[in-house]
Protein backbone atom coordinates (compact mmCIF):
# COMPACT_ATOMS: atom_id res chain seq x y z
CA GLY A 1 -10.02 -33.95 -10.17
CA GLN A 2 -7.43 -33.12 -7.55
CA LEU A 3 -7.86 -29.30 -5.88
CA ALA A 4 -5.24 -27.65 -4.48
CA ASP A 5 -4.57 -27.42 -1.31
CA SER A 6 -3.30 -24.44 0.18
CA ALA A 7 0.51 -25.36 0.21
CA ALA A 8 -0.39 -25.55 -3.55
CA MET A 9 -1.58 -21.82 -3.50
CA VAL A 10 1.08 -20.73 -1.53
CA SER A 11 3.72 -21.63 -4.23
CA ALA A 12 1.58 -20.55 -7.50
CA LEU A 13 1.18 -17.40 -5.57
CA ASN A 14 5.39 -17.56 -4.73
CA SER A 15 5.89 -17.80 -8.41
CA LEU A 16 2.89 -15.02 -9.25
CA GLN A 17 4.49 -12.25 -7.06
CA ALA A 18 7.93 -12.27 -8.68
CA ASP A 19 6.35 -11.86 -12.01
CA ARG A 20 6.12 -7.96 -11.96
CA SER A 21 4.41 -8.66 -15.48
CA ALA A 22 1.85 -10.64 -13.42
CA VAL A 23 1.12 -8.58 -10.89
CA SER A 24 0.69 -5.66 -13.38
CA GLN A 25 -1.85 -8.05 -15.13
CA LEU A 26 -3.84 -9.07 -11.84
CA GLN A 27 -4.59 -5.23 -11.39
CA GLN A 28 -6.91 -6.17 -14.99
CA VAL A 29 -8.80 -8.68 -13.70
CA PRO A 30 -12.26 -8.30 -10.42
CA SER A 31 -9.97 -10.78 -7.91
CA LEU A 32 -7.04 -13.03 -7.17
CA ARG A 33 -9.31 -15.88 -7.08
CA GLN A 34 -10.01 -15.77 -10.77
CA TYR A 35 -6.84 -15.27 -12.45
CA LEU A 36 -5.33 -17.91 -10.48
CA ASP A 37 -8.50 -20.00 -11.90
CA GLU A 38 -7.94 -18.46 -15.68
CA ASN A 39 -4.25 -19.00 -15.38
CA ARG A 40 -4.04 -22.29 -14.04
CA SER A 41 -2.55 -24.10 -16.98
CA ASN A 42 0.07 -21.59 -17.15
CA ILE A 43 1.18 -21.63 -13.06
CA SER A 44 3.33 -25.22 -12.48
CA ALA A 45 2.43 -25.35 -8.71
CA LEU A 46 -1.19 -25.32 -10.21
CA GLU A 47 -1.26 -27.74 -12.75
CA GLY A 48 -3.18 -30.58 -12.80
CA THR A 49 -5.47 -29.67 -10.32
CA THR A 50 -9.59 -28.34 -11.20
CA GLY A 51 -9.81 -25.59 -8.13
CA PHE A 52 -9.01 -24.87 -4.66
CA ALA A 53 -9.82 -26.01 -1.39
CA PRO A 54 -12.53 -24.24 0.55
CA ASP A 55 -10.18 -22.72 2.59
CA GLY A 56 -7.87 -20.86 0.23
CA VAL A 57 -10.99 -20.39 -1.47
CA ASN A 58 -12.77 -18.31 1.79
CA GLN A 59 -8.87 -16.63 2.35
CA LEU A 60 -8.39 -15.63 -1.13
CA ASP A 61 -11.73 -14.45 -1.23
CA LEU A 62 -11.09 -12.22 2.18
CA VAL A 63 -8.01 -10.80 0.78
CA ASP A 64 -10.23 -9.75 -2.64
CA ASN A 65 -13.15 -8.10 -0.95
CA LEU A 66 -10.07 -6.41 0.69
CA PHE A 67 -8.78 -5.21 -2.18
CA GLN A 68 -11.82 -4.09 -3.84
CA SER A 69 -13.05 -1.65 -1.21
CA ILE A 70 -9.33 -0.09 -1.75
CA ARG A 71 -9.81 0.43 -5.43
CA SER A 72 -13.88 1.84 -5.13
CA GLY A 73 -14.49 2.16 -1.53
CA ILE A 74 -11.99 3.99 -0.06
CA ASP A 75 -10.68 7.23 -0.49
CA VAL A 76 -6.89 6.25 -1.80
CA THR A 77 -5.01 8.83 -4.12
CA PRO A 78 -4.76 6.99 -7.75
CA GLU A 79 -0.55 8.13 -7.46
CA LEU A 80 -0.83 4.92 -4.55
CA GLN A 81 -3.45 3.18 -5.92
CA PRO A 82 -0.81 0.46 -8.91
CA SER A 83 1.42 0.83 -5.69
CA LEU A 84 -1.49 -0.81 -3.14
CA GLY A 85 -2.84 -3.42 -5.88
CA ASN A 86 0.92 -4.83 -5.91
CA LEU A 87 0.76 -5.54 -2.69
CA HIS A 88 -2.99 -7.99 -3.54
CA VAL A 89 -0.35 -11.69 -3.90
CA PRO A 90 1.41 -11.24 -0.46
CA LEU A 91 -1.18 -10.47 1.31
CA ALA A 92 -3.12 -13.56 0.24
CA LYS A 93 0.11 -15.60 0.71
CA LEU A 94 0.22 -14.13 4.44
CA SER A 95 -3.96 -15.29 4.67
CA LEU A 96 -2.61 -18.51 3.36
CA LEU A 97 0.15 -18.95 5.56
CA GLU A 98 -1.25 -17.43 8.61
CA PRO A 99 -5.15 -17.44 8.41
CA GLN A 100 -6.06 -15.68 11.17
CA PHE A 101 -3.60 -12.61 10.75
CA PHE A 102 -7.40 -10.83 9.82
CA LEU A 103 -8.27 -11.54 13.46
CA ASP A 104 -5.21 -10.49 15.16
CA ARG A 105 -5.41 -6.49 15.21
CA ASN A 106 -1.87 -6.06 16.74
CA HIS A 107 -1.01 -8.25 13.91
CA PRO A 108 1.67 -6.07 11.79
CA ALA A 109 0.01 -6.34 8.51
CA ARG A 110 -3.28 -5.83 9.46
CA GLY A 111 -1.32 -2.14 10.92
CA VAL A 112 0.67 -1.82 7.60
CA VAL A 113 -3.25 -1.93 5.76
CA ASP A 114 -4.79 0.92 8.49
CA LYS A 115 -1.59 3.25 7.98
CA LEU A 116 -1.22 2.30 4.10
CA THR A 117 -4.65 3.41 3.74
CA GLN A 118 -3.94 6.36 6.18
CA LEU A 119 -0.93 7.59 4.41
CA SER A 120 -2.33 7.10 0.85
CA SER A 121 -6.10 9.25 1.41
CA SER A 122 -6.45 11.88 -1.44
CA ALA A 123 -5.52 14.72 1.71
CA ASN A 124 -1.91 14.30 2.02
CA PHE A 125 -1.30 14.54 -1.99
CA PRO A 126 0.13 15.95 -4.51
CA ASN A 127 2.94 14.43 -2.58
CA ARG A 128 6.33 13.46 -4.18
CA ALA A 129 8.06 13.07 -1.43
CA LEU A 130 5.66 10.76 0.24
CA GLU A 131 5.15 9.00 -2.80
CA ASN A 132 8.02 7.82 -2.89
CA ARG A 133 9.27 6.12 0.48
CA VAL A 134 4.90 4.95 0.44
CA ASN A 135 6.13 3.47 -2.97
CA LYS A 136 9.57 1.96 -1.05
CA VAL A 137 7.56 0.65 2.21
CA ILE A 138 5.81 -1.38 -0.28
CA ASP A 139 8.28 -2.83 -3.06
CA ASN A 140 10.70 -3.85 0.40
CA ILE A 141 7.42 -6.12 1.15
CA VAL A 142 7.23 -7.68 -2.47
CA ASP A 143 10.90 -7.82 -2.74
CA ASN A 144 11.30 -9.54 0.35
CA TYR A 145 8.46 -11.55 1.87
CA GLU A 146 8.21 -15.38 1.79
CA ASN A 147 6.72 -16.47 4.75
CA ASP A 148 8.03 -14.83 7.67
CA SER A 149 5.98 -11.62 8.73
CA THR A 150 8.94 -9.87 10.01
CA VAL A 151 8.76 -8.38 6.68
CA PHE A 152 5.52 -6.53 7.82
CA GLN A 153 7.20 -5.48 11.26
CA THR A 154 9.51 -3.33 9.13
CA ALA A 155 7.28 -2.49 6.91
CA HIS A 156 4.65 -1.16 10.00
CA ASP A 157 7.86 0.80 11.42
CA ASP A 158 8.14 2.20 8.96
CA LEU A 159 4.33 3.65 8.34
CA ASP A 160 4.37 4.55 11.86
CA LYS A 161 7.35 7.27 11.40
CA LEU A 162 5.83 8.33 8.10
CA VAL A 163 2.16 8.84 9.81
CA ARG A 164 3.40 10.63 13.22
CA GLN A 165 5.33 13.08 10.27
CA GLN A 166 2.47 13.50 8.15
CA GLU A 167 0.39 14.06 11.59
CA THR A 168 3.03 16.87 12.52
CA ALA A 169 3.28 19.06 9.26
CA ARG A 170 -0.33 18.76 9.32
CA GLU A 171 -0.41 20.55 12.52
CA ARG A 172 2.64 22.96 11.60
CA ASN A 173 0.52 23.81 7.85
CA VAL A 174 -3.00 24.54 10.71
CA GLU A 175 -0.73 26.77 13.24
CA ARG A 176 0.61 28.61 10.19
CA VAL A 177 -2.52 28.96 9.00
CA VAL A 178 -4.88 30.42 11.69
CA LYS A 179 -1.13 33.00 12.61
CA ALA A 180 -1.35 34.70 9.33
CA GLN A 181 -5.73 34.60 9.67
CA ASP A 182 -5.13 36.06 12.84
CA ASP A 183 -1.80 38.54 11.73
CA GLN A 184 -4.51 39.32 9.59
CA GLU A 185 -7.60 40.77 11.38
CA LYS A 186 -4.82 42.71 13.91
CA LEU A 187 -4.11 44.10 11.06
CA HIS A 188 -7.86 45.31 10.60
CA GLN A 189 -8.48 46.34 13.87
CA ALA A 190 -4.74 48.66 13.56
CA GLN A 191 -6.27 49.90 10.13
CA LYS A 192 -9.78 50.64 11.39
CA ALA A 193 -8.38 52.46 14.62
CA VAL A 194 -6.03 54.95 12.44
CA ASP A 195 -9.28 55.76 10.13
CA LYS A 196 -11.28 56.23 12.73
CA ILE A 197 -8.59 58.34 14.61
CA LEU A 198 -8.07 60.66 11.12
CA ARG A 199 -11.56 61.00 11.01
CA THR A 200 -12.15 62.28 14.83
CA ARG A 201 -8.46 64.49 13.81
CA ILE A 202 -8.90 65.54 10.23
CA ARG A 203 -12.06 66.51 8.73
CA PRO A 204 -12.72 67.87 5.55
CA PRO A 205 -12.36 70.39 3.94
CA ASN A 206 -10.04 71.19 6.78
CA ALA A 207 -7.60 69.07 5.22
CA PRO A 208 -6.76 67.16 1.71
CA GLN A 209 -8.84 64.23 0.77
CA ALA A 210 -5.62 62.72 -0.36
CA MET A 211 -4.83 63.07 3.38
CA VAL A 212 -7.37 61.59 5.12
């Protein structure tokens, strides 16, 4: 039978990316490749095919492995897991159009994945404002990525700003905690000094116990 080549698979992913209900269903199955295989008869670009060309399969497997890691092996807050799952199809399409992007550490899509993983750490949550801003970046990729990867560059720049803002906020929080602890220690030392003076100058029974 005829195998679906990369072009046919990209066309299939285009239709899938535009169907939010299908994307939601995708998150309930182990892999995108399995979803495409099971729904081949319902996707016009894959009708009449009996499988996928080896190069396309390899690229889908790489992306499937990435998202399996995000779901299970990486500290990702539950608030953002569904949104991150929405990137499964765009990244799969990118891997078919630009097969070398996984190997290119300077590719903006690689940076998007790294920064999203960093921002999605449970240490940053609950944080509704951050959640909304990350969701907005992801939605922009899902809505606008067709075949021009500059969409990922825009997303990378936006996420980079969020990462720097989070780092600044974290540093300020640490400084506040350190200052609070320092103030508590100063107060404790002052109380000890006062107690020492009182014990030296006012000794029972010469002074009322309440005063001491």
